[in-house]
Amino acid sequence: MLASMAFKRVVFEEWVLIIVICSFGIVAGIFLIGTIRALLLPKDQRDHLANLPLEGDASPPPPPDPSPPNKP
């Protein structure tokens, strides 16, 4: 009797499916809200946000070294 119980299939319960569906719905809802907000931005605010400097763009990069590398 114990041997037959040890090899039973794992049966997924209904609550597991509910958790998966709820998680997908939450992620899809957040994505849709973000997409709709981005599409509804006024043109001037879109242009302003598109031209914001990135984190590493605060100062211009140093000019490249014109001398060739030394080869031994």
PDB file of N, CA and C in Angstrom:
ATOM      1  N   MET A   1       0.814  -1.188   0.000  1.00  0.00           N
ATOM      2  CA  MET A   1       0.000   0.000   0.000  1.00  0.00           C
ATOM      3  C   MET A   1       0.863   1.258   0.000  1.00  0.00           C
ATOM      4  N   LEU A   2       1.929   1.297   0.779  1.00  0.00           N
ATOM      5  CA  LEU A   2       2.800   2.462   0.814  1.00  0.00           C
ATOM      6  C   LEU A   2       3.517   2.656  -0.516  1.00  0.00           C
ATOM      7  N   ALA A   3       3.866   1.556  -1.187  1.00  0.00           N
ATOM      8  CA  ALA A   3       4.553   1.664  -2.474  1.00  0.00           C
ATOM      9  C   ALA A   3       3.629   2.283  -3.525  1.00  0.00           C
ATOM     10  N   SER A   4       2.366   1.944  -3.512  1.00  0.00           N
ATOM     11  CA  SER A   4       1.451   2.520  -4.500  1.00  0.00           C
ATOM     12  C   SER A   4       1.209   4.002  -4.233  1.00  0.00           C
ATOM     13  N   MET A   5       1.264   4.438  -2.982  1.00  0.00           N
ATOM     14  CA  MET A   5       1.078   5.849  -2.653  1.00  0.00           C
ATOM     15  C   MET A   5       2.310   6.666  -3.030  1.00  0.00           C
ATOM     16  N   ALA A   6       3.488   6.060  -3.001  1.00  0.00           N
ATOM     17  CA  ALA A   6       4.713   6.786  -3.293  1.00  0.00           C
ATOM     18  C   ALA A   6       4.817   7.148  -4.762  1.00  0.00           C
ATOM     19  N   PHE A   7       4.203   6.398  -5.634  1.00  0.00           N
ATOM     20  CA  PHE A   7       4.328   6.637  -7.064  1.00  0.00           C
ATOM     21  C   PHE A   7       3.089   7.280  -7.681  1.00  0.00           C
ATOM     22  N   LYS A   8       2.269   7.906  -6.872  1.00  0.00           N
ATOM     23  CA  LYS A   8       1.107   8.615  -7.413  1.00  0.00           C
ATOM     24  C   LYS A   8       1.569   9.846  -8.169  1.00  0.00           C
ATOM     25  N   ARG A   9       0.790  10.228  -9.158  1.00  0.00           N
ATOM     26  CA  ARG A   9       1.110  11.438  -9.921  1.00  0.00           C
ATOM     27  C   ARG A   9       0.859  12.670  -9.066  1.00  0.00           C
ATOM     28  N   VAL A  10       1.621  13.710  -9.369  1.00  0.00           N
ATOM     29  CA  VAL A  10       1.396  14.978  -8.695  1.00  0.00           C
ATOM     30  C   VAL A  10       0.213  15.656  -9.386  1.00  0.00           C
ATOM     31  N   VAL A  11      -0.801  15.975  -8.625  1.00  0.00           N
ATOM     32  CA  VAL A  11      -2.000  16.586  -9.172  1.00  0.00           C
ATOM     33  C   VAL A  11      -1.995  18.056  -8.779  1.00  0.00           C
ATOM     34  N   PHE A  12      -2.065  18.939  -9.788  1.00  0.00           N
ATOM     35  CA  PHE A  12      -2.124  20.364  -9.508  1.00  0.00           C
ATOM     36  C   PHE A  12      -3.524  20.716  -9.038  1.00  0.00           C
ATOM     37  N   GLU A  13      -3.561  21.516  -8.032  1.00  0.00           N
ATOM     38  CA  GLU A  13      -4.837  21.938  -7.485  1.00  0.00           C
ATOM     39  C   GLU A  13      -5.328  23.178  -8.240  1.00  0.00           C
ATOM     40  N   GLU A  14      -6.568  23.509  -8.032  1.00  0.00           N
ATOM     41  CA  GLU A  14      -7.168  24.664  -8.690  1.00  0.00           C
ATOM     42  C   GLU A  14      -6.486  25.972  -8.279  1.00  0.00           C
ATOM     43  N   TRP A  15      -6.042  26.086  -7.041  1.00  0.00           N
ATOM     44  CA  TRP A  15      -5.473  27.330  -6.552  1.00  0.00           C
ATOM     45  C   TRP A  15      -4.158  27.659  -7.242  1.00  0.00           C
ATOM     46  N   VAL A  16      -3.434  26.649  -7.730  1.00  0.00           N
ATOM     47  CA  VAL A  16      -2.186  26.915  -8.438  1.00  0.00           C
ATOM     48  C   VAL A  16      -2.486  27.645  -9.749  1.00  0.00           C
ATOM     49  N   LEU A  17      -3.501  27.214 -10.451  1.00  0.00           N
ATOM     50  CA  LEU A  17      -3.887  27.860 -11.698  1.00  0.00           C
ATOM     51  C   LEU A  17      -4.379  29.275 -11.443  1.00  0.00           C
ATOM     52  N   ILE A  18      -5.067  29.493 -10.352  1.00  0.00           N
ATOM     53  CA  ILE A  18      -5.570  30.833 -10.018  1.00  0.00           C
ATOM     54  C   ILE A  18      -4.410  31.789  -9.763  1.00  0.00           C
ATOM     55  N   ILE A  19      -3.373  31.323  -9.079  1.00  0.00           N
ATOM     56  CA  ILE A  19      -2.202  32.163  -8.805  1.00  0.00           C
ATOM     57  C   ILE A  19      -1.503  32.548 -10.102  1.00  0.00           C
ATOM     58  N   VAL A  20      -1.350  31.599 -11.016  1.00  0.00           N
ATOM     59  CA  VAL A  20      -0.694  31.878 -12.296  1.00  0.00           C
ATOM     60  C   VAL A  20      -1.499  32.891 -13.100  1.00  0.00           C
ATOM     61  N   ILE A  21      -2.798  32.715 -13.169  1.00  0.00           N
ATOM     62  CA  ILE A  21      -3.652  33.626 -13.933  1.00  0.00           C
ATOM     63  C   ILE A  21      -3.643  35.019 -13.309  1.00  0.00           C
ATOM     64  N   CYS A  22      -3.709  35.115 -11.996  1.00  0.00           N
ATOM     65  CA  CYS A  22      -3.672  36.420 -11.325  1.00  0.00           C
ATOM     66  C   CYS A  22      -2.324  37.119 -11.554  1.00  0.00           C
ATOM     67  N   SER A  23      -1.232  36.376 -11.481  1.00  0.00           N
ATOM     68  CA  SER A  23       0.087  36.966 -11.710  1.00  0.00           C
ATOM     69  C   SER A  23       0.201  37.500 -13.127  1.00  0.00           C
ATOM     70  N   PHE A  24      -0.264  36.728 -14.101  1.00  0.00           N
ATOM     71  CA  PHE A  24      -0.233  37.189 -15.482  1.00  0.00           C
ATOM     72  C   PHE A  24      -1.094  38.437 -15.660  1.00  0.00           C
ATOM     73  N   GLY A  25      -2.259  38.452 -15.049  1.00  0.00           N
ATOM     74  CA  GLY A  25      -3.140  39.611 -15.157  1.00  0.00           C
ATOM     75  C   GLY A  25      -2.521  40.860 -14.559  1.00  0.00           C
ATOM     76  N   ILE A  26      -1.836  40.728 -13.440  1.00  0.00           N
ATOM     77  CA  ILE A  26      -1.195  41.883 -12.807  1.00  0.00           C
ATOM     78  C   ILE A  26      -0.085  42.430 -13.698  1.00  0.00           C
ATOM     79  N   VAL A  27       0.759  41.553 -14.225  1.00  0.00           N
ATOM     80  CA  VAL A  27       1.859  41.994 -15.092  1.00  0.00           C
ATOM     81  C   VAL A  27       1.309  42.615 -16.376  1.00  0.00           C
ATOM     82  N   ALA A  28       0.309  41.999 -16.978  1.00  0.00           N
ATOM     83  CA  ALA A  28      -0.277  42.540 -18.208  1.00  0.00           C
ATOM     84  C   ALA A  28      -0.933  43.895 -17.935  1.00  0.00           C
ATOM     85  N   GLY A  29      -1.587  44.049 -16.805  1.00  0.00           N
ATOM     86  CA  GLY A  29      -2.209  45.321 -16.461  1.00  0.00           C
ATOM     87  C   GLY A  29      -1.191  46.431 -16.279  1.00  0.00           C
ATOM     88  N   ILE A  30      -0.093  46.142 -15.594  1.00  0.00           N
ATOM     89  CA  ILE A  30       0.958  47.141 -15.402  1.00  0.00           C
ATOM     90  C   ILE A  30       1.551  47.535 -16.753  1.00  0.00           C
ATOM     91  N   PHE A  31       1.788  46.568 -17.621  1.00  0.00           N
ATOM     92  CA  PHE A  31       2.321  46.859 -18.946  1.00  0.00           C
ATOM     93  C   PHE A  31       1.355  47.724 -19.753  1.00  0.00           C
ATOM     94  N   LEU A  32       0.078  47.389 -19.733  1.00  0.00           N
ATOM     95  CA  LEU A  32      -0.899  48.165 -20.487  1.00  0.00           C
ATOM     96  C   LEU A  32      -1.030  49.591 -19.963  1.00  0.00           C
ATOM     97  N   ILE A  33      -1.015  49.762 -18.650  1.00  0.00           N
ATOM     98  CA  ILE A  33      -1.102  51.105 -18.064  1.00  0.00           C
ATOM     99  C   ILE A  33       0.112  51.937 -18.488  1.00  0.00           C
ATOM    100  N   GLY A  34       1.303  51.351 -18.424  1.00  0.00           N
ATOM    101  CA  GLY A  34       2.506  52.071 -18.849  1.00  0.00           C
ATOM    102  C   GLY A  34       2.479  52.430 -20.312  1.00  0.00           C
ATOM    103  N   THR A  35       2.001  51.514 -21.139  1.00  0.00           N
ATOM    104  CA  THR A  35       1.927  51.779 -22.579  1.00  0.00           C
ATOM    105  C   THR A  35       0.924  52.882 -22.881  1.00  0.00           C
ATOM    106  N   ILE A  36      -0.233  52.834 -22.248  1.00  0.00           N
ATOM    107  CA  ILE A  36      -1.262  53.860 -22.493  1.00  0.00           C
ATOM    108  C   ILE A  36      -0.777  55.231 -22.018  1.00  0.00           C
ATOM    109  N   ARG A  37      -0.115  55.274 -20.862  1.00  0.00           N
ATOM    110  CA  ARG A  37       0.411  56.557 -20.369  1.00  0.00           C
ATOM    111  C   ARG A  37       1.454  57.120 -21.320  1.00  0.00           C
ATOM    112  N   ALA A  38       2.303  56.256 -21.878  1.00  0.00           N
ATOM    113  CA  ALA A  38       3.327  56.727 -22.808  1.00  0.00           C
ATOM    114  C   ALA A  38       2.699  57.230 -24.099  1.00  0.00           C
ATOM    115  N   LEU A  39       1.652  56.574 -24.557  1.00  0.00           N
ATOM    116  CA  LEU A  39       0.999  57.002 -25.799  1.00  0.00           C
ATOM    117  C   LEU A  39       0.220  58.298 -25.627  1.00  0.00           C
ATOM    118  N   LEU A  40      -0.231  58.597 -24.432  1.00  0.00           N
ATOM    119  CA  LEU A  40      -1.038  59.790 -24.190  1.00  0.00           C
ATOM    120  C   LEU A  40      -0.222  61.016 -23.775  1.00  0.00           C
ATOM    121  N   LEU A  41       1.106  60.898 -23.711  1.00  0.00           N
ATOM    122  CA  LEU A  41       1.933  62.049 -23.351  1.00  0.00           C
ATOM    123  C   LEU A  41       1.831  63.129 -24.425  1.00  0.00           C
ATOM    124  N   PRO A  42       1.801  64.383 -24.033  1.00  0.00           N
ATOM    125  CA  PRO A  42       1.826  65.459 -25.030  1.00  0.00           C
ATOM    126  C   PRO A  42       3.170  65.469 -25.771  1.00  0.00           C
ATOM    127  N   LYS A  43       3.155  66.003 -27.003  1.00  0.00           N
ATOM    128  CA  LYS A  43       4.343  65.972 -27.848  1.00  0.00           C
ATOM    129  C   LYS A  43       5.513  66.721 -27.217  1.00  0.00           C
ATOM    130  N   ASP A  44       5.263  67.869 -26.596  1.00  0.00           N
ATOM    131  CA  ASP A  44       6.369  68.622 -26.001  1.00  0.00           C
ATOM    132  C   ASP A  44       7.013  67.865 -24.838  1.00  0.00           C
ATOM    133  N   GLN A  45       6.212  67.156 -24.057  1.00  0.00           N
ATOM    134  CA  GLN A  45       6.776  66.375 -22.958  1.00  0.00           C
ATOM    135  C   GLN A  45       7.532  65.150 -23.484  1.00  0.00           C
ATOM    136  N   ARG A  46       7.030  64.552 -24.558  1.00  0.00           N
ATOM    137  CA  ARG A  46       7.753  63.431 -25.187  1.00  0.00           C
ATOM    138  C   ARG A  46       9.116  63.883 -25.678  1.00  0.00           C
ATOM    139  N   ASP A  47       9.152  65.045 -26.352  1.00  0.00           N
ATOM    140  CA  ASP A  47      10.427  65.571 -26.855  1.00  0.00           C
ATOM    141  C   ASP A  47      11.373  65.895 -25.712  1.00  0.00           C
ATOM    142  N   HIS A  48      10.849  66.478 -24.642  1.00  0.00           N
ATOM    143  CA  HIS A  48      11.684  66.796 -23.480  1.00  0.00           C
ATOM    144  C   HIS A  48      12.289  65.522 -22.883  1.00  0.00           C
ATOM    145  N   LEU A  49      11.467  64.489 -22.699  1.00  0.00           N
ATOM    146  CA  LEU A  49      11.962  63.242 -22.127  1.00  0.00           C
ATOM    147  C   LEU A  49      12.937  62.533 -23.063  1.00  0.00           C
ATOM    148  N   ALA A  50      12.733  62.677 -24.367  1.00  0.00           N
ATOM    149  CA  ALA A  50      13.627  62.030 -25.321  1.00  0.00           C
ATOM    150  C   ALA A  50      15.002  62.683 -25.333  1.00  0.00           C
ATOM    151  N   ASN A  51      15.086  63.963 -24.964  1.00  0.00           N
ATOM    152  CA  ASN A  51      16.355  64.685 -25.007  1.00  0.00           C
ATOM    153  C   ASN A  51      17.047  64.778 -23.650  1.00  0.00           C
ATOM    154  N   LEU A  52      16.544  64.113 -22.648  1.00  0.00           N
ATOM    155  CA  LEU A  52      17.217  64.125 -21.346  1.00  0.00           C
ATOM    156  C   LEU A  52      18.555  63.409 -21.463  1.00  0.00           C
ATOM    157  N   PRO A  53      19.588  63.937 -20.787  1.00  0.00           N
ATOM    158  CA  PRO A  53      20.884  63.253 -20.863  1.00  0.00           C
ATOM    159  C   PRO A  53      20.851  61.941 -20.085  1.00  0.00           C
ATOM    160  N   LEU A  54      21.597  60.991 -20.564  1.00  0.00           N
ATOM    161  CA  LEU A  54      21.721  59.727 -19.852  1.00  0.00           C
ATOM    162  C   LEU A  54      22.676  59.894 -18.687  1.00  0.00           C
ATOM    163  N   GLU A  55      22.769  58.900 -17.848  1.00  0.00           N
ATOM    164  CA  GLU A  55      23.554  59.012 -16.629  1.00  0.00           C
ATOM    165  C   GLU A  55      25.028  59.291 -16.917  1.00  0.00           C
ATOM    166  N   GLY A  56      25.592  58.681 -17.939  1.00  0.00           N
ATOM    167  CA  GLY A  56      27.008  58.865 -18.240  1.00  0.00           C
ATOM    168  C   GLY A  56      27.289  60.028 -19.159  1.00  0.00           C
ATOM    169  N   ASP A  57      26.276  60.787 -19.588  1.00  0.00           N
ATOM    170  CA  ASP A  57      26.465  61.870 -20.550  1.00  0.00           C
ATOM    171  C   ASP A  57      26.653  63.235 -19.896  1.00  0.00           C
ATOM    172  N   ALA A  58      27.006  63.308 -18.626  1.00  0.00           N
ATOM    173  CA  ALA A  58      27.114  64.590 -17.940  1.00  0.00           C
ATOM    174  C   ALA A  58      28.277  65.412 -18.493  1.00  0.00           C
ATOM    175  N   SER A  59      29.382  64.793 -18.858  1.00  0.00           N
ATOM    176  CA  SER A  59      30.513  65.513 -19.424  1.00  0.00           C
ATOM    177  C   SER A  59      30.919  64.824 -20.722  1.00  0.00           C
ATOM    178  N   PRO A  60      31.476  65.580 -21.658  1.00  0.00           N
ATOM    179  CA  PRO A  60      31.861  64.954 -22.925  1.00  0.00           C
ATOM    180  C   PRO A  60      33.033  63.992 -22.717  1.00  0.00           C
ATOM    181  N   PRO A  61      33.134  62.975 -23.543  1.00  0.00           N
ATOM    182  CA  PRO A  61      34.238  62.026 -23.387  1.00  0.00           C
ATOM    183  C   PRO A  61      35.563  62.682 -23.750  1.00  0.00           C
ATOM    184  N   PRO A  62      36.659  62.203 -23.198  1.00  0.00           N
ATOM    185  CA  PRO A  62      37.964  62.797 -23.534  1.00  0.00           C
ATOM    186  C   PRO A  62      38.312  62.500 -24.991  1.00  0.00           C
ATOM    187  N   PRO A  63      39.089  63.395 -25.617  1.00  0.00           N
ATOM    188  CA  PRO A  63      39.445  63.149 -27.016  1.00  0.00           C
ATOM    189  C   PRO A  63      40.353  61.926 -27.133  1.00  0.00           C
ATOM    190  N   PRO A  64      40.300  61.228 -28.249  1.00  0.00           N
ATOM    191  CA  PRO A  64      41.153  60.052 -28.410  1.00  0.00           C
ATOM    192  C   PRO A  64      42.618  60.442 -28.507  1.00  0.00           C
ATOM    193  N   ASP A  65      43.483  59.559 -28.078  1.00  0.00           N
ATOM    194  CA  ASP A  65      44.917  59.780 -28.111  1.00  0.00           C
ATOM    195  C   ASP A  65      45.403  59.628 -29.558  1.00  0.00           C
ATOM    196  N   PRO A  66      45.999  60.701 -30.137  1.00  0.00           N
ATOM    197  CA  PRO A  66      46.393  60.617 -31.543  1.00  0.00           C
ATOM    198  C   PRO A  66      47.642  59.771 -31.780  1.00  0.00           C
ATOM    199  N   SER A  67      48.429  59.520 -30.743  1.00  0.00           N
ATOM    200  CA  SER A  67      49.665  58.761 -30.953  1.00  0.00           C
ATOM    201  C   SER A  67      49.343  57.269 -31.062  1.00  0.00           C
ATOM    202  N   PRO A  68      50.043  56.571 -31.961  1.00  0.00           N
ATOM    203  CA  PRO A  68      49.800  55.131 -32.093  1.00  0.00           C
ATOM    204  C   PRO A  68      50.338  54.381 -30.885  1.00  0.00           C
ATOM    205  N   PRO A  69      49.786  53.228 -30.580  1.00  0.00           N
ATOM    206  CA  PRO A  69      50.288  52.470 -29.430  1.00  0.00           C
ATOM    207  C   PRO A  69      51.705  51.958 -29.701  1.00  0.00           C
ATOM    208  N   ASN A  70      52.505  51.885 -28.639  1.00  0.00           N
ATOM    209  CA  ASN A  70      53.870  51.379 -28.763  1.00  0.00           C
ATOM    210  C   ASN A  70      53.864  49.869 -28.825  1.00  0.00           C
ATOM    211  N   LYS A  71      54.557  49.328 -29.836  1.00  0.00           N
ATOM    212  CA  LYS A  71      54.667  47.877 -29.954  1.00  0.00           C
ATOM    213  C   LYS A  71      56.102  47.486 -29.622  1.00  0.00           C
ATOM    214  N   PRO A  72      56.312  46.553 -28.715  1.00  0.00           N
ATOM    215  CA  PRO A  72      57.685  46.157 -28.360  1.00  0.00           C
ATOM    216  C   PRO A  72      58.363  45.329 -29.420  1.00  0.00           C
TER     217      PRO A  72
END
